[in-house]
Amino acid sequence: MAELVKDVVCGMEIDPETAAGKSEYQGTTYYFCAEGCKQEFDANPAKFVGGGVAPTGEAPVEAPVAAATEENVKLNVDRLKQDKPIVSEAFAAKKIDIVGGIYDLATGKIGLL
């Protein structure tokens, strides 16, 4: 097992050998726990490794928590879409839709994914 590295998006410690993805930015390789974290990083790497990050080089706490929560909801929605035949067949026939939501305590709003 290789030395663990931190996913700069969600803060999770991961093994680079089994990482879900990796990206190169300014000569450094970054590893990710999930494809969603990689996509978020690729859309705006400076948000996580420069300009807008804490002086320690770590992303603000809110960014990792939000990214991890969103990724968890997406994974559960995908799992539900393939769950028991009665659910997966109804979803495939477009009789139902399965969505995920995140409740924001600060605003009282629900964001659908």
C-alpha atoms as a PDB file:
ATOM      1  CA  MET A   1       0.000   0.000   0.000  1.00  0.00           C
ATOM      2  CA  ALA A   2       1.329   3.402  -0.979  1.00  0.00           C
ATOM      3  CA  GLU A   3       1.488   6.370   1.369  1.00  0.00           C
ATOM      4  CA  LEU A   4      -1.947   7.961   1.689  1.00  0.00           C
ATOM      5  CA  VAL A   5      -2.617  11.343   0.079  1.00  0.00           C
ATOM      6  CA  LYS A   6      -5.394  13.852   0.669  1.00  0.00           C
ATOM      7  CA  ASP A   7      -8.143  14.461  -1.890  1.00  0.00           C
ATOM      8  CA  VAL A   8      -7.945  18.278  -2.037  1.00  0.00           C
ATOM      9  CA  VAL A   9     -11.660  18.574  -2.798  1.00  0.00           C
ATOM     10  CA  CYS A  10     -13.233  16.597   0.052  1.00  0.00           C
ATOM     11  CA  GLY A  11     -10.255  16.071   2.352  1.00  0.00           C
ATOM     12  CA  MET A  12     -10.483  12.271   2.358  1.00  0.00           C
ATOM     13  CA  GLU A  13      -7.234  10.318   2.806  1.00  0.00           C
ATOM     14  CA  ILE A  14      -6.824   7.907  -0.125  1.00  0.00           C
ATOM     15  CA  ASP A  15      -4.335   5.454  -1.578  1.00  0.00           C
ATOM     16  CA  PRO A  16      -3.063   6.875  -4.905  1.00  0.00           C
ATOM     17  CA  GLU A  17      -2.847   3.351  -6.333  1.00  0.00           C
ATOM     18  CA  THR A  18      -6.608   2.821  -5.935  1.00  0.00           C
ATOM     19  CA  ALA A  19      -7.782   6.425  -6.440  1.00  0.00           C
ATOM     20  CA  ALA A  20     -10.917   6.932  -8.541  1.00  0.00           C
ATOM     21  CA  GLY A  21      -9.129   9.578 -10.595  1.00  0.00           C
ATOM     22  CA  LYS A  22      -6.145  11.862 -10.884  1.00  0.00           C
ATOM     23  CA  SER A  23      -5.351  15.216 -12.475  1.00  0.00           C
ATOM     24  CA  GLU A  24      -2.186  17.162 -13.212  1.00  0.00           C
ATOM     25  CA  TYR A  25      -2.062  20.841 -12.300  1.00  0.00           C
ATOM     26  CA  GLN A  26       0.999  23.090 -12.351  1.00  0.00           C
ATOM     27  CA  GLY A  27       3.349  20.101 -12.346  1.00  0.00           C
ATOM     28  CA  THR A  28       1.689  18.317  -9.428  1.00  0.00           C
ATOM     29  CA  THR A  29      -0.485  15.195  -9.550  1.00  0.00           C
ATOM     30  CA  TYR A  30      -3.662  15.265  -7.440  1.00  0.00           C
ATOM     31  CA  TYR A  31      -5.635  12.109  -6.593  1.00  0.00           C
ATOM     32  CA  PHE A  32      -9.373  11.848  -5.946  1.00  0.00           C
ATOM     33  CA  CYS A  33     -11.663   9.526  -3.999  1.00  0.00           C
ATOM     34  CA  ALA A  34     -14.486   9.808  -6.548  1.00  0.00           C
ATOM     35  CA  GLU A  35     -15.094  11.020 -10.078  1.00  0.00           C
ATOM     36  CA  GLY A  36     -17.226  13.874  -8.721  1.00  0.00           C
ATOM     37  CA  CYS A  37     -14.276  15.265  -6.755  1.00  0.00           C
ATOM     38  CA  LYS A  38     -12.059  15.040  -9.852  1.00  0.00           C
ATOM     39  CA  GLN A  39     -14.638  16.849 -11.982  1.00  0.00           C
ATOM     40  CA  GLU A  40     -15.038  19.603  -9.392  1.00  0.00           C
ATOM     41  CA  PHE A  41     -11.250  20.022  -9.200  1.00  0.00           C
ATOM     42  CA  ASP A  42     -10.838  20.022 -12.997  1.00  0.00           C
ATOM     43  CA  ALA A  43     -13.469  22.760 -13.325  1.00  0.00           C
ATOM     44  CA  ASN A  44     -11.491  25.123 -11.047  1.00  0.00           C
ATOM     45  CA  PRO A  45      -8.188  23.775  -9.694  1.00  0.00           C
ATOM     46  CA  ALA A  46      -7.106  27.129  -8.242  1.00  0.00           C
ATOM     47  CA  LYS A  47     -10.089  26.995  -5.883  1.00  0.00           C
ATOM     48  CA  PHE A  48      -8.468  24.004  -4.174  1.00  0.00           C
ATOM     49  CA  VAL A  49      -4.710  24.551  -4.521  1.00  0.00           C
ATOM     50  CA  GLY A  50      -4.238  28.279  -4.884  1.00  0.00           C
ATOM     51  CA  GLY A  51      -6.167  31.534  -4.603  1.00  0.00           C
ATOM     52  CA  GLY A  52      -9.112  31.029  -2.302  1.00  0.00           C
ATOM     53  CA  VAL A  53      -7.575  28.362  -0.106  1.00  0.00           C
ATOM     54  CA  ALA A  54      -6.287  28.676   3.420  1.00  0.00           C
ATOM     55  CA  PRO A  55      -2.580  29.523   3.844  1.00  0.00           C
ATOM     56  CA  THR A  56      -1.925  25.919   4.909  1.00  0.00           C
ATOM     57  CA  GLY A  57      -2.837  24.815   1.379  1.00  0.00           C
ATOM     58  CA  GLU A  58      -6.013  23.089   2.527  1.00  0.00           C
ATOM     59  CA  ALA A  59      -9.417  23.919   1.106  1.00  0.00           C
ATOM     60  CA  PRO A  60     -11.820  25.691   3.462  1.00  0.00           C
ATOM     61  CA  VAL A  61     -13.778  23.238   5.631  1.00  0.00           C
ATOM     62  CA  GLU A  62     -17.047  24.073   3.857  1.00  0.00           C
ATOM     63  CA  ALA A  63     -15.745  22.960   0.444  1.00  0.00           C
ATOM     64  CA  PRO A  64     -14.691  19.427   1.487  1.00  0.00           C
ATOM     65  CA  VAL A  65     -17.867  18.839   3.490  1.00  0.00           C
ATOM     66  CA  ALA A  66     -20.101  20.092   0.697  1.00  0.00           C
ATOM     67  CA  ALA A  67     -18.247  18.045  -1.934  1.00  0.00           C
ATOM     68  CA  ALA A  68     -18.322  14.872   0.148  1.00  0.00           C
ATOM     69  CA  THR A  69     -22.017  15.310   0.943  1.00  0.00           C
ATOM     70  CA  GLU A  70     -22.907  15.921  -2.703  1.00  0.00           C
ATOM     71  CA  GLU A  71     -20.881  12.910  -3.861  1.00  0.00           C
ATOM     72  CA  ASN A  72     -22.562  10.712  -1.225  1.00  0.00           C
ATOM     73  CA  VAL A  73     -26.045  11.790  -2.356  1.00  0.00           C
ATOM     74  CA  LYS A  74     -25.170  11.172  -6.028  1.00  0.00           C
ATOM     75  CA  LEU A  75     -23.823   7.702  -5.249  1.00  0.00           C
ATOM     76  CA  ASN A  76     -26.985   6.815  -3.311  1.00  0.00           C
ATOM     77  CA  VAL A  77     -29.239   8.096  -6.105  1.00  0.00           C
ATOM     78  CA  ASP A  78     -27.304   5.972  -8.625  1.00  0.00           C
ATOM     79  CA  ARG A  79     -27.583   2.949  -6.320  1.00  0.00           C
ATOM     80  CA  LEU A  80     -31.342   3.423  -5.967  1.00  0.00           C
ATOM     81  CA  LYS A  81     -31.761   3.614  -9.740  1.00  0.00           C
ATOM     82  CA  GLN A  82     -30.313   0.096  -9.959  1.00  0.00           C
ATOM     83  CA  ASP A  83     -31.892  -1.300  -6.790  1.00  0.00           C
ATOM     84  CA  LYS A  84     -34.734  -3.829  -6.568  1.00  0.00           C
ATOM     85  CA  PRO A  85     -36.312  -4.775  -9.910  1.00  0.00           C
ATOM     86  CA  ILE A  86     -39.575  -3.006  -9.119  1.00  0.00           C
ATOM     87  CA  VAL A  87     -37.689   0.288  -8.673  1.00  0.00           C
ATOM     88  CA  SER A  88     -35.159  -0.099 -11.496  1.00  0.00           C
ATOM     89  CA  GLU A  89     -37.852  -1.213 -13.976  1.00  0.00           C
ATOM     90  CA  ALA A  90     -40.134   1.702 -13.068  1.00  0.00           C
ATOM     91  CA  PHE A  91     -37.194   4.093 -13.428  1.00  0.00           C
ATOM     92  CA  ALA A  92     -36.171   2.587 -16.797  1.00  0.00           C
ATOM     93  CA  ALA A  93     -39.770   2.889 -18.043  1.00  0.00           C
ATOM     94  CA  LYS A  94     -39.779   6.559 -16.906  1.00  0.00           C
ATOM     95  CA  LYS A  95     -42.696   5.913 -14.551  1.00  0.00           C
ATOM     96  CA  ILE A  96     -40.710   7.376 -11.665  1.00  0.00           C
ATOM     97  CA  ASP A  97     -37.708   9.638 -11.254  1.00  0.00           C
ATOM     98  CA  ILE A  98     -35.171   9.395  -8.468  1.00  0.00           C
ATOM     99  CA  VAL A  99     -33.486  12.557  -7.272  1.00  0.00           C
ATOM    100  CA  GLY A 100     -31.334  13.501  -4.336  1.00  0.00           C
ATOM    101  CA  GLY A 101     -31.437  16.639  -2.288  1.00  0.00           C
ATOM    102  CA  ILE A 102     -29.256  18.451   0.195  1.00  0.00           C
ATOM    103  CA  TYR A 103     -30.877  20.553   2.911  1.00  0.00           C
ATOM    104  CA  ASP A 104     -28.903  23.718   3.681  1.00  0.00           C
ATOM    105  CA  LEU A 105     -29.322  24.503   7.370  1.00  0.00           C
ATOM    106  CA  ALA A 106     -28.115  28.074   6.912  1.00  0.00           C
ATOM    107  CA  THR A 107     -30.686  29.017   4.270  1.00  0.00           C
ATOM    108  CA  GLY A 108     -33.439  26.480   4.893  1.00  0.00           C
ATOM    109  CA  LYS A 109     -33.399  25.588   1.188  1.00  0.00           C
ATOM    110  CA  ILE A 110     -33.117  22.207  -0.507  1.00  0.00           C
ATOM    111  CA  GLY A 111     -30.805  21.820  -3.478  1.00  0.00           C
ATOM    112  CA  LEU A 112     -31.746  19.005  -5.844  1.00  0.00           C
ATOM    113  CA  LEU A 113     -29.042  17.009  -7.579  1.00  0.00           C
END
